[in-house]
Amino acid sequence: MSVTVVGSIAFDGVSTPYDRRDRLPGGAAFHFAQAASFFTDVRVVGPVGDDYGDDHMALLATRGTNVDDVDRVAGGKTFFWKGHYHEDLNTRDTLTTELGVFETFEPELSDAAAASDVLFLANIVPAIQRKVRAQSSARWSALDSMNLWIDIARADLVAAIGDVDCLILNDEELAQLTDQRTTYAAARAIFAWEKAPSAIIAKQGSYGAQLFTADGGGFTVPVFPLESVVDPTGAGDSFAGGVVGYVAARLAADPSLTVDRDVLATALVYGTATASHNVEAFGAEKLYELPTSAIEERVARLAQLTRFDDVPVALRG
């Protein structure tokens, strides 16, 4: 069972009030692959320029990630983003965005990429997401997006969301997309569309994540408690990688499995545990050599923190 991820491969320049890195391997597809590769085989589809060296490609290929579908554009420059995080590390300013070869990215899936059982469409132009989904024979698919596409390509984004099984957005984007005041209301509004996904995952930053399913199911996972956060860049993509990678692993173990509320609830916990490691270092530096046992330990801790035993009713009659 494999996952194909289609999205950006980039260099990031990141600064915080405490430290900085001028040129880190990053991008949505990169961070997703670092996380998903703990669970399953990953195939990355995305463009890079001549400045993306063999050492960078080796990092992308961590834990056996397949890079055969990475398009090395001769004479091109790799997507570059530079940003500065404020004291709370929840807000940031974008200082530089240079799209480079990503600006003209028009992916054509290879036979192997199209045949992957699971597909993740990272944040790219919604019309391109639709074209990629049409090329894929994936049994299960998920999609991420951003506020820009809600503003300038809403119709295409709504259509792309209807093409996948699971939508992953942050809570502010869900509110913007639906014009609803609460995340629950936003999810119900999307499920009421003529063509809608069967599951919606709301990323809530330092508060955790919520799952909603079309049959009325739901689940909430808190953020993993950390003493310090070094760099939040890529946290949402590594969370998505953990979620989608877990689903792929479950489907590999049981091809007849229905990806329902219970499967996705556990996937949220694994995604949260994986992302918690990502934010403890710049870029994906901690994930490169992280043992899988470190993720399992945090999954167990989250289970312990969220356990609630039945107790006698103490309310006044």
C-alpha atoms as a PDB file:
ATOM      1  CA  MET A   1       0.000   0.000   0.000  1.00  0.00           C
ATOM      2  CA  SER A   2       1.509   3.343  -1.037  1.00  0.00           C
ATOM      3  CA  VAL A   3       0.667   7.042  -0.845  1.00  0.00           C
ATOM      4  CA  THR A   4       1.224   9.517  -3.647  1.00  0.00           C
ATOM      5  CA  VAL A   5       1.554  13.135  -2.524  1.00  0.00           C
ATOM      6  CA  VAL A   6       1.399  15.979  -5.027  1.00  0.00           C
ATOM      7  CA  GLY A   7       2.591  19.393  -3.906  1.00  0.00           C
ATOM      8  CA  SER A   8       5.428  21.789  -3.259  1.00  0.00           C
ATOM      9  CA  ILE A   9       9.054  20.934  -2.591  1.00  0.00           C
ATOM     10  CA  ALA A  10      10.824  24.027  -1.366  1.00  0.00           C
ATOM     11  CA  PHE A  11      13.527  25.785   0.557  1.00  0.00           C
ATOM     12  CA  ASP A  12      12.448  27.707   3.654  1.00  0.00           C
ATOM     13  CA  GLY A  13      14.136  30.587   5.406  1.00  0.00           C
ATOM     14  CA  VAL A  14      12.812  30.624   8.978  1.00  0.00           C
ATOM     15  CA  SER A  15      13.520  33.004  11.836  1.00  0.00           C
ATOM     16  CA  THR A  16      12.080  33.167  15.347  1.00  0.00           C
ATOM     17  CA  PRO A  17      12.903  35.460  18.280  1.00  0.00           C
ATOM     18  CA  TYR A  18      15.363  32.762  19.385  1.00  0.00           C
ATOM     19  CA  ASP A  19      17.157  31.396  16.285  1.00  0.00           C
ATOM     20  CA  ARG A  20      17.084  31.169  12.505  1.00  0.00           C
ATOM     21  CA  ARG A  21      17.775  28.936   9.518  1.00  0.00           C
ATOM     22  CA  ASP A  22      18.415  30.519   6.135  1.00  0.00           C
ATOM     23  CA  ARG A  23      17.776  27.597   3.775  1.00  0.00           C
ATOM     24  CA  LEU A  24      15.974  24.504   5.015  1.00  0.00           C
ATOM     25  CA  PRO A  25      14.419  21.764   2.871  1.00  0.00           C
ATOM     26  CA  GLY A  26      10.678  22.272   3.145  1.00  0.00           C
ATOM     27  CA  GLY A  27       7.416  22.537   1.254  1.00  0.00           C
ATOM     28  CA  ALA A  28       4.090  20.797   1.795  1.00  0.00           C
ATOM     29  CA  ALA A  29       5.000  17.595  -0.060  1.00  0.00           C
ATOM     30  CA  PHE A  30       8.365  17.409   1.724  1.00  0.00           C
ATOM     31  CA  HIS A  31       6.905  17.698   5.238  1.00  0.00           C
ATOM     32  CA  PHE A  32       4.037  15.359   4.363  1.00  0.00           C
ATOM     33  CA  ALA A  33       6.439  12.712   3.076  1.00  0.00           C
ATOM     34  CA  GLN A  34       8.676  12.932   6.145  1.00  0.00           C
ATOM     35  CA  ALA A  35       5.666  12.131   8.345  1.00  0.00           C
ATOM     36  CA  ALA A  36       3.808   9.622   6.141  1.00  0.00           C
ATOM     37  CA  SER A  37       6.964   7.554   5.583  1.00  0.00           C
ATOM     38  CA  PHE A  38       6.799   6.370   9.202  1.00  0.00           C
ATOM     39  CA  PHE A  39       3.688   4.396   8.214  1.00  0.00           C
ATOM     40  CA  THR A  40       3.866   3.428   4.548  1.00  0.00           C
ATOM     41  CA  ASP A  41       5.655   3.775   1.211  1.00  0.00           C
ATOM     42  CA  VAL A  42       5.450   7.323  -0.141  1.00  0.00           C
ATOM     43  CA  ARG A  43       5.844   8.608  -3.693  1.00  0.00           C
ATOM     44  CA  VAL A  44       6.411  12.366  -4.119  1.00  0.00           C
ATOM     45  CA  VAL A  45       5.291  14.354  -7.158  1.00  0.00           C
ATOM     46  CA  GLY A  46       6.584  17.920  -7.387  1.00  0.00           C
ATOM     47  CA  PRO A  47       9.092  20.180  -9.161  1.00  0.00           C
ATOM     48  CA  VAL A  48      12.546  21.384  -8.098  1.00  0.00           C
ATOM     49  CA  GLY A  49      15.257  23.422  -9.786  1.00  0.00           C
ATOM     50  CA  ASP A  50      18.951  22.957 -10.405  1.00  0.00           C
ATOM     51  CA  ASP A  51      19.635  24.295  -6.906  1.00  0.00           C
ATOM     52  CA  TYR A  52      18.039  21.207  -5.336  1.00  0.00           C
ATOM     53  CA  GLY A  53      21.090  19.017  -4.889  1.00  0.00           C
ATOM     54  CA  ASP A  54      21.596  15.318  -4.345  1.00  0.00           C
ATOM     55  CA  ASP A  55      21.951  15.940  -0.601  1.00  0.00           C
ATOM     56  CA  HIS A  56      18.516  17.564  -0.517  1.00  0.00           C
ATOM     57  CA  MET A  57      17.051  14.728  -2.580  1.00  0.00           C
ATOM     58  CA  ALA A  58      18.519  12.231  -0.133  1.00  0.00           C
ATOM     59  CA  LEU A  59      16.697  13.968   2.718  1.00  0.00           C
ATOM     60  CA  LEU A  60      13.442  13.875   0.740  1.00  0.00           C
ATOM     61  CA  ALA A  61      14.019  10.136   0.273  1.00  0.00           C
ATOM     62  CA  THR A  62      14.239   9.505   4.036  1.00  0.00           C
ATOM     63  CA  ARG A  63      12.806   6.088   5.043  1.00  0.00           C
ATOM     64  CA  GLY A  64      12.641   5.003   1.412  1.00  0.00           C
ATOM     65  CA  THR A  65      10.370   7.715   0.023  1.00  0.00           C
ATOM     66  CA  ASN A  66      10.277   7.323  -3.760  1.00  0.00           C
ATOM     67  CA  VAL A  67      11.528  10.431  -5.603  1.00  0.00           C
ATOM     68  CA  ASP A  68      11.310   9.068  -9.170  1.00  0.00           C
ATOM     69  CA  ASP A  69       8.437  11.475  -9.911  1.00  0.00           C
ATOM     70  CA  VAL A  70      10.229  14.589  -8.678  1.00  0.00           C
ATOM     71  CA  ASP A  71      10.683  16.803 -11.749  1.00  0.00           C
ATOM     72  CA  ARG A  72      14.135  18.390 -11.853  1.00  0.00           C
ATOM     73  CA  VAL A  73      13.648  21.410 -14.100  1.00  0.00           C
ATOM     74  CA  ALA A  74      16.865  22.330 -15.914  1.00  0.00           C
ATOM     75  CA  GLY A  75      17.753  25.985 -15.415  1.00  0.00           C
ATOM     76  CA  GLY A  76      14.978  26.441 -12.854  1.00  0.00           C
ATOM     77  CA  LYS A  77      14.965  27.610  -9.253  1.00  0.00           C
ATOM     78  CA  THR A  78      13.245  25.738  -6.431  1.00  0.00           C
ATOM     79  CA  PHE A  79      10.298  27.388  -4.662  1.00  0.00           C
ATOM     80  CA  PHE A  80      11.598  29.567  -1.794  1.00  0.00           C
ATOM     81  CA  TRP A  81       9.660  30.926   1.195  1.00  0.00           C
ATOM     82  CA  LYS A  82      10.990  33.107   3.984  1.00  0.00           C
ATOM     83  CA  GLY A  83       9.123  34.043   7.137  1.00  0.00           C
ATOM     84  CA  HIS A  84       9.512  35.336  10.681  1.00  0.00           C
ATOM     85  CA  TYR A  85       7.585  34.011  13.678  1.00  0.00           C
ATOM     86  CA  HIS A  86       6.512  36.315  16.481  1.00  0.00           C
ATOM     87  CA  GLU A  87       7.146  35.705  20.178  1.00  0.00           C
ATOM     88  CA  ASP A  88       4.121  33.422  20.607  1.00  0.00           C
ATOM     89  CA  LEU A  89       5.144  31.332  17.542  1.00  0.00           C
ATOM     90  CA  ASN A  90       1.468  31.270  16.503  1.00  0.00           C
ATOM     91  CA  THR A  91       1.678  34.303  14.230  1.00  0.00           C
ATOM     92  CA  ARG A  92       4.171  34.902  11.474  1.00  0.00           C
ATOM     93  CA  ASP A  93       5.046  37.375   8.746  1.00  0.00           C
ATOM     94  CA  THR A  94       5.856  36.189   5.237  1.00  0.00           C
ATOM     95  CA  LEU A  95       8.920  38.097   4.078  1.00  0.00           C
ATOM     96  CA  THR A  96       9.654  36.454   0.722  1.00  0.00           C
ATOM     97  CA  THR A  97       7.807  34.139  -1.659  1.00  0.00           C
ATOM     98  CA  GLU A  98       9.602  33.080  -4.835  1.00  0.00           C
ATOM     99  CA  LEU A  99       7.563  30.427  -6.657  1.00  0.00           C
ATOM    100  CA  GLY A 100      10.297  29.470  -9.099  1.00  0.00           C
ATOM    101  CA  VAL A 101       9.505  26.234 -10.941  1.00  0.00           C
ATOM    102  CA  PHE A 102       6.388  25.733  -8.818  1.00  0.00           C
ATOM    103  CA  GLU A 103       4.667  28.621 -10.634  1.00  0.00           C
ATOM    104  CA  THR A 104       4.264  26.564 -13.819  1.00  0.00           C
ATOM    105  CA  PHE A 105       3.749  23.169 -12.150  1.00  0.00           C
ATOM    106  CA  GLU A 106       1.398  21.008 -14.253  1.00  0.00           C
ATOM    107  CA  PRO A 107       1.734  17.459 -12.879  1.00  0.00           C
ATOM    108  CA  GLU A 108       1.228  14.403 -15.034  1.00  0.00           C
ATOM    109  CA  LEU A 109       1.171  11.258 -12.895  1.00  0.00           C
ATOM    110  CA  SER A 110       3.335   8.340 -13.876  1.00  0.00           C
ATOM    111  CA  ASP A 111       1.670   4.936 -14.011  1.00  0.00           C
ATOM    112  CA  ALA A 112       3.142   4.091 -10.601  1.00  0.00           C
ATOM    113  CA  ALA A 113       1.968   7.355  -9.018  1.00  0.00           C
ATOM    114  CA  ALA A 114      -1.499   6.988 -10.511  1.00  0.00           C
ATOM    115  CA  ALA A 115      -1.757   3.427  -9.189  1.00  0.00           C
ATOM    116  CA  SER A 116      -1.117   4.329  -5.530  1.00  0.00           C
ATOM    117  CA  ASP A 117      -3.977   3.239  -3.315  1.00  0.00           C
ATOM    118  CA  VAL A 118      -4.017   6.530  -1.415  1.00  0.00           C
ATOM    119  CA  LEU A 119      -3.624  10.059  -2.801  1.00  0.00           C
ATOM    120  CA  PHE A 120      -2.924  13.296  -0.949  1.00  0.00           C
ATOM    121  CA  LEU A 121      -3.385  16.577  -2.775  1.00  0.00           C
ATOM    122  CA  ALA A 122      -1.314  19.132  -0.902  1.00  0.00           C
ATOM    123  CA  ASN A 123      -1.964  22.860  -1.186  1.00  0.00           C
ATOM    124  CA  ILE A 124      -1.838  23.696  -4.901  1.00  0.00           C
ATOM    125  CA  VAL A 125      -4.181  25.385  -7.397  1.00  0.00           C
ATOM    126  CA  PRO A 126      -7.615  23.703  -7.026  1.00  0.00           C
ATOM    127  CA  ALA A 127      -8.044  23.203 -10.772  1.00  0.00           C
ATOM    128  CA  ILE A 128      -4.749  21.303 -10.806  1.00  0.00           C
ATOM    129  CA  GLN A 129      -5.892  19.236  -7.823  1.00  0.00           C
ATOM    130  CA  ARG A 130      -8.915  18.174  -9.851  1.00  0.00           C
ATOM    131  CA  LYS A 131      -6.780  17.209 -12.845  1.00  0.00           C
ATOM    132  CA  VAL A 132      -4.499  15.115 -10.636  1.00  0.00           C
ATOM    133  CA  ARG A 133      -7.424  13.382  -8.917  1.00  0.00           C
ATOM    134  CA  ALA A 134      -8.826  12.460 -12.324  1.00  0.00           C
ATOM    135  CA  GLN A 135      -5.520  10.794 -13.221  1.00  0.00           C
ATOM    136  CA  SER A 136      -5.413   8.679 -10.049  1.00  0.00           C
ATOM    137  CA  SER A 137      -7.073   5.340  -9.300  1.00  0.00           C
ATOM    138  CA  ALA A 138      -6.648   5.824  -5.540  1.00  0.00           C
ATOM    139  CA  ARG A 139      -9.146   4.059  -3.293  1.00  0.00           C
ATOM    140  CA  TRP A 140      -9.003   6.877  -0.745  1.00  0.00           C
ATOM    141  CA  SER A 141      -7.970  10.497  -1.152  1.00  0.00           C
ATOM    142  CA  ALA A 142      -7.572  13.665   0.886  1.00  0.00           C
ATOM    143  CA  LEU A 143      -7.019  17.327   0.101  1.00  0.00           C
ATOM    144  CA  ASP A 144      -5.540  20.401   1.769  1.00  0.00           C
ATOM    145  CA  SER A 145      -5.893  24.016   0.647  1.00  0.00           C
ATOM    146  CA  MET A 146      -5.520  27.596   1.877  1.00  0.00           C
ATOM    147  CA  ASN A 147      -7.293  30.939   2.216  1.00  0.00           C
ATOM    148  CA  LEU A 148      -5.901  32.285  -1.089  1.00  0.00           C
ATOM    149  CA  TRP A 149      -7.814  29.710  -3.143  1.00  0.00           C
ATOM    150  CA  ILE A 150     -10.991  30.355  -1.146  1.00  0.00           C
ATOM    151  CA  ASP A 151     -10.666  34.015  -2.141  1.00  0.00           C
ATOM    152  CA  ILE A 152      -9.788  33.683  -5.825  1.00  0.00           C
ATOM    153  CA  ALA A 153     -10.813  30.172  -6.939  1.00  0.00           C
ATOM    154  CA  ARG A 154     -13.687  29.174  -4.684  1.00  0.00           C
ATOM    155  CA  ALA A 155     -15.751  27.378  -7.365  1.00  0.00           C
ATOM    156  CA  ASP A 156     -12.784  25.247  -8.409  1.00  0.00           C
ATOM    157  CA  LEU A 157     -11.968  24.491  -4.777  1.00  0.00           C
ATOM    158  CA  VAL A 158     -15.529  23.424  -3.975  1.00  0.00           C
ATOM    159  CA  ALA A 159     -15.431  21.099  -6.991  1.00  0.00           C
ATOM    160  CA  ALA A 160     -12.039  19.684  -5.928  1.00  0.00           C
ATOM    161  CA  ILE A 161     -13.316  19.051  -2.394  1.00  0.00           C
ATOM    162  CA  GLY A 162     -16.213  17.095  -3.860  1.00  0.00           C
ATOM    163  CA  ASP A 163     -13.751  14.821  -5.648  1.00  0.00           C
ATOM    164  CA  VAL A 164     -12.023  13.516  -2.490  1.00  0.00           C
ATOM    165  CA  ASP A 165     -12.940  11.457   0.553  1.00  0.00           C
ATOM    166  CA  CYS A 166     -11.463  13.745   3.192  1.00  0.00           C
ATOM    167  CA  LEU A 167     -10.972  17.505   3.462  1.00  0.00           C
ATOM    168  CA  ILE A 168      -8.213  18.837   5.731  1.00  0.00           C
ATOM    169  CA  LEU A 169      -8.324  22.586   6.481  1.00  0.00           C
ATOM    170  CA  ASN A 170      -7.684  24.782   9.477  1.00  0.00           C
ATOM    171  CA  ASP A 171     -10.685  26.112  11.370  1.00  0.00           C
ATOM    172  CA  GLU A 172     -10.326  29.666  10.041  1.00  0.00           C
ATOM    173  CA  GLU A 173     -10.312  28.411   6.454  1.00  0.00           C
ATOM    174  CA  LEU A 174     -13.419  26.314   7.079  1.00  0.00           C
ATOM    175  CA  ALA A 175     -15.201  29.376   8.444  1.00  0.00           C
ATOM    176  CA  GLN A 176     -14.090  31.444   5.447  1.00  0.00           C
ATOM    177  CA  LEU A 177     -15.158  28.750   2.980  1.00  0.00           C
ATOM    178  CA  THR A 178     -18.664  28.357   4.423  1.00  0.00           C
ATOM    179  CA  ASP A 179     -19.344  31.715   6.092  1.00  0.00           C
ATOM    180  CA  GLN A 180     -20.233  29.836   9.278  1.00  0.00           C
ATOM    181  CA  ARG A 181     -19.283  30.982  12.778  1.00  0.00           C
ATOM    182  CA  THR A 182     -18.386  27.610  14.314  1.00  0.00           C
ATOM    183  CA  THR A 183     -16.299  24.730  13.017  1.00  0.00           C
ATOM    184  CA  TYR A 184     -19.171  22.292  13.579  1.00  0.00           C
ATOM    185  CA  ALA A 185     -21.554  24.480  11.551  1.00  0.00           C
ATOM    186  CA  ALA A 186     -18.939  24.784   8.802  1.00  0.00           C
ATOM    187  CA  ALA A 187     -18.577  21.014   8.595  1.00  0.00           C
ATOM    188  CA  ARG A 188     -22.340  20.469   8.448  1.00  0.00           C
ATOM    189  CA  ALA A 189     -22.610  23.089   5.692  1.00  0.00           C
ATOM    190  CA  ILE A 190     -20.017  21.267   3.576  1.00  0.00           C
ATOM    191  CA  PHE A 191     -21.682  17.898   4.106  1.00  0.00           C
ATOM    192  CA  ALA A 192     -24.886  19.461   2.750  1.00  0.00           C
ATOM    193  CA  TRP A 193     -23.244  20.257  -0.590  1.00  0.00           C
ATOM    194  CA  GLU A 194     -24.483  18.300  -3.610  1.00  0.00           C
ATOM    195  CA  LYS A 195     -21.056  16.637  -3.813  1.00  0.00           C
ATOM    196  CA  ALA A 196     -19.074  16.460  -0.588  1.00  0.00           C
ATOM    197  CA  PRO A 197     -16.353  14.433   1.152  1.00  0.00           C
ATOM    198  CA  SER A 198     -17.302  11.846   3.756  1.00  0.00           C
ATOM    199  CA  ALA A 199     -14.931  13.298   6.370  1.00  0.00           C
ATOM    200  CA  ILE A 200     -13.602  16.712   7.365  1.00  0.00           C
ATOM    201  CA  ILE A 201     -10.594  17.327   9.597  1.00  0.00           C
ATOM    202  CA  ALA A 202     -10.202  20.763  11.146  1.00  0.00           C
ATOM    203  CA  LYS A 203      -6.649  21.711  12.117  1.00  0.00           C
ATOM    204  CA  GLN A 204      -6.760  23.970  15.166  1.00  0.00           C
ATOM    205  CA  GLY A 205      -3.098  24.798  15.692  1.00  0.00           C
ATOM    206  CA  SER A 206      -2.095  24.871  19.329  1.00  0.00           C
ATOM    207  CA  TYR A 207      -5.543  23.583  20.322  1.00  0.00           C
ATOM    208  CA  GLY A 208      -5.385  20.263  18.459  1.00  0.00           C
ATOM    209  CA  ALA A 209      -7.701  18.946  15.734  1.00  0.00           C
ATOM    210  CA  GLN A 210     -11.317  17.908  15.199  1.00  0.00           C
ATOM    211  CA  LEU A 211     -12.851  15.228  13.002  1.00  0.00           C
ATOM    212  CA  PHE A 212     -16.345  15.346  11.541  1.00  0.00           C
ATOM    213  CA  THR A 213     -17.946  12.584   9.452  1.00  0.00           C
ATOM    214  CA  ALA A 214     -20.956  12.807   7.182  1.00  0.00           C
ATOM    215  CA  ASP A 215     -22.871  10.253   9.270  1.00  0.00           C
ATOM    216  CA  GLY A 216     -22.697  12.512  12.337  1.00  0.00           C
ATOM    217  CA  GLY A 217     -19.586  11.061  13.928  1.00  0.00           C
ATOM    218  CA  GLY A 218     -16.856  13.148  15.456  1.00  0.00           C
ATOM    219  CA  PHE A 219     -13.662  13.165  17.492  1.00  0.00           C
ATOM    220  CA  THR A 220     -11.404  15.731  19.100  1.00  0.00           C
ATOM    221  CA  VAL A 221      -7.712  15.342  19.896  1.00  0.00           C
ATOM    222  CA  PRO A 222      -5.773  17.940  21.912  1.00  0.00           C
ATOM    223  CA  VAL A 223      -2.352  19.196  20.969  1.00  0.00           C
ATOM    224  CA  PHE A 224       0.452  17.147  22.497  1.00  0.00           C
ATOM    225  CA  PRO A 225       1.824  19.038  25.533  1.00  0.00           C
ATOM    226  CA  LEU A 226       5.341  20.310  24.882  1.00  0.00           C
ATOM    227  CA  GLU A 227       7.680  22.352  27.020  1.00  0.00           C
ATOM    228  CA  SER A 228       8.902  24.308  24.000  1.00  0.00           C
ATOM    229  CA  VAL A 229       8.200  24.761  20.301  1.00  0.00           C
ATOM    230  CA  VAL A 230      11.157  25.584  18.066  1.00  0.00           C
ATOM    231  CA  ASP A 231       9.609  25.975  14.594  1.00  0.00           C
ATOM    232  CA  PRO A 232       5.937  25.491  13.644  1.00  0.00           C
ATOM    233  CA  THR A 233       6.710  25.458   9.892  1.00  0.00           C
ATOM    234  CA  GLY A 234       5.308  22.326   8.290  1.00  0.00           C
ATOM    235  CA  ALA A 235       3.305  21.278  11.356  1.00  0.00           C
ATOM    236  CA  GLY A 236       0.040  21.059   9.409  1.00  0.00           C
ATOM    237  CA  ASP A 237       1.643  19.094   6.590  1.00  0.00           C
ATOM    238  CA  SER A 238       3.365  16.664   8.958  1.00  0.00           C
ATOM    239  CA  PHE A 239       0.032  16.238  10.774  1.00  0.00           C
ATOM    240  CA  ALA A 240      -1.626  15.429   7.445  1.00  0.00           C
ATOM    241  CA  GLY A 241       1.213  13.022   6.649  1.00  0.00           C
ATOM    242  CA  GLY A 242       0.659  11.170   9.893  1.00  0.00           C
ATOM    243  CA  VAL A 243      -3.096  10.998   9.349  1.00  0.00           C
ATOM    244  CA  VAL A 244      -2.976   9.867   5.714  1.00  0.00           C
ATOM    245  CA  GLY A 245       0.008   7.579   6.291  1.00  0.00           C
ATOM    246  CA  TYR A 246      -1.862   5.824   9.105  1.00  0.00           C
ATOM    247  CA  VAL A 247      -4.929   5.351   6.892  1.00  0.00           C
ATOM    248  CA  ALA A 248      -2.737   3.845   4.160  1.00  0.00           C
ATOM    249  CA  ALA A 249      -1.140   1.463   6.653  1.00  0.00           C
ATOM    250  CA  ARG A 250      -4.557   0.309   7.854  1.00  0.00           C
ATOM    251  CA  LEU A 251      -5.730  -0.243   4.288  1.00  0.00           C
ATOM    252  CA  ALA A 252      -2.592  -2.249   3.566  1.00  0.00           C
ATOM    253  CA  ALA A 253      -3.316  -4.501   6.524  1.00  0.00           C
ATOM    254  CA  ASP A 254      -6.985  -4.895   5.548  1.00  0.00           C
ATOM    255  CA  PRO A 255      -7.861  -3.986   1.927  1.00  0.00           C
ATOM    256  CA  SER A 256     -11.575  -4.393   2.692  1.00  0.00           C
ATOM    257  CA  LEU A 257     -11.435  -1.823   5.495  1.00  0.00           C
ATOM    258  CA  THR A 258     -13.945   1.017   5.529  1.00  0.00           C
ATOM    259  CA  VAL A 259     -12.226   4.282   6.462  1.00  0.00           C
ATOM    260  CA  ASP A 260     -14.799   5.342   9.027  1.00  0.00           C
ATOM    261  CA  ARG A 261     -14.911   7.513  12.130  1.00  0.00           C
ATOM    262  CA  ASP A 262     -12.974   5.045  14.291  1.00  0.00           C
ATOM    263  CA  VAL A 263     -10.133   4.656  11.771  1.00  0.00           C
ATOM    264  CA  LEU A 264      -9.852   8.407  11.281  1.00  0.00           C
ATOM    265  CA  ALA A 265     -10.049   9.157  15.010  1.00  0.00           C
ATOM    266  CA  THR A 266      -6.994   6.993  15.608  1.00  0.00           C
ATOM    267  CA  ALA A 267      -5.338   8.566  12.563  1.00  0.00           C
ATOM    268  CA  LEU A 268      -5.766  12.010  14.157  1.00  0.00           C
ATOM    269  CA  VAL A 269      -3.912  10.816  17.246  1.00  0.00           C
ATOM    270  CA  TYR A 270      -1.018   9.454  15.176  1.00  0.00           C
ATOM    271  CA  GLY A 271      -0.929  12.633  13.103  1.00  0.00           C
ATOM    272  CA  THR A 272      -0.824  14.754  16.250  1.00  0.00           C
ATOM    273  CA  ALA A 273       1.960  12.673  17.775  1.00  0.00           C
ATOM    274  CA  THR A 274       4.030  12.884  14.580  1.00  0.00           C
ATOM    275  CA  ALA A 275       3.572  16.639  14.180  1.00  0.00           C
ATOM    276  CA  SER A 276       4.573  17.194  17.819  1.00  0.00           C
ATOM    277  CA  HIS A 277       8.056  15.940  16.970  1.00  0.00           C
ATOM    278  CA  ASN A 278       8.216  18.104  13.846  1.00  0.00           C
ATOM    279  CA  VAL A 279       7.806  21.370  15.782  1.00  0.00           C
ATOM    280  CA  GLU A 280      10.606  20.568  18.231  1.00  0.00           C
ATOM    281  CA  ALA A 281      13.304  21.406  15.664  1.00  0.00           C
ATOM    282  CA  PHE A 282      13.728  23.608  12.605  1.00  0.00           C
ATOM    283  CA  GLY A 283      12.195  22.201   9.449  1.00  0.00           C
ATOM    284  CA  ALA A 284      12.048  18.409   9.601  1.00  0.00           C
ATOM    285  CA  GLU A 285      15.447  18.074  11.278  1.00  0.00           C
ATOM    286  CA  LYS A 286      14.116  15.935  14.127  1.00  0.00           C
ATOM    287  CA  LEU A 287      12.161  13.563  11.890  1.00  0.00           C
ATOM    288  CA  TYR A 288      15.066  12.393   9.737  1.00  0.00           C
ATOM    289  CA  GLU A 289      16.365   9.888  12.288  1.00  0.00           C
ATOM    290  CA  LEU A 290      13.422   9.705  14.700  1.00  0.00           C
ATOM    291  CA  PRO A 291      12.630   6.112  15.783  1.00  0.00           C
ATOM    292  CA  THR A 292       9.055   4.957  15.337  1.00  0.00           C
ATOM    293  CA  SER A 293       8.967   4.134  19.051  1.00  0.00           C
ATOM    294  CA  ALA A 294       9.071   7.874  19.783  1.00  0.00           C
ATOM    295  CA  ILE A 295       5.762   8.327  17.949  1.00  0.00           C
ATOM    296  CA  GLU A 296       4.193   5.318  19.656  1.00  0.00           C
ATOM    297  CA  GLU A 297       5.185   6.711  23.064  1.00  0.00           C
ATOM    298  CA  ARG A 298       3.376   9.968  22.359  1.00  0.00           C
ATOM    299  CA  VAL A 299       0.321   8.147  21.025  1.00  0.00           C
ATOM    300  CA  ALA A 300       0.176   6.246  24.310  1.00  0.00           C
ATOM    301  CA  ARG A 301       0.550   9.494  26.247  1.00  0.00           C
ATOM    302  CA  LEU A 302      -2.288  11.118  24.297  1.00  0.00           C
ATOM    303  CA  ALA A 303      -4.488   8.091  25.001  1.00  0.00           C
ATOM    304  CA  GLN A 304      -3.711   8.455  28.686  1.00  0.00           C
ATOM    305  CA  LEU A 305      -4.389  12.198  28.713  1.00  0.00           C
ATOM    306  CA  THR A 306      -7.768  11.863  26.999  1.00  0.00           C
ATOM    307  CA  ARG A 307      -9.075   8.828  28.848  1.00  0.00           C
ATOM    308  CA  PHE A 308     -12.280   9.400  30.785  1.00  0.00           C
ATOM    309  CA  ASP A 309     -13.705   6.685  33.010  1.00  0.00           C
ATOM    310  CA  ASP A 310     -17.370   6.461  33.941  1.00  0.00           C
ATOM    311  CA  VAL A 311     -18.055   8.109  37.267  1.00  0.00           C
ATOM    312  CA  PRO A 312     -21.205   8.318  39.427  1.00  0.00           C
ATOM    313  CA  VAL A 313     -23.497  11.150  38.445  1.00  0.00           C
ATOM    314  CA  ALA A 314     -22.946  14.043  40.828  1.00  0.00           C
ATOM    315  CA  LEU A 315     -25.464  16.534  39.426  1.00  0.00           C
ATOM    316  CA  ARG A 316     -28.257  17.836  41.590  1.00  0.00           C
ATOM    317  CA  GLY A 317     -31.634  16.364  40.759  1.00  0.00           C
END
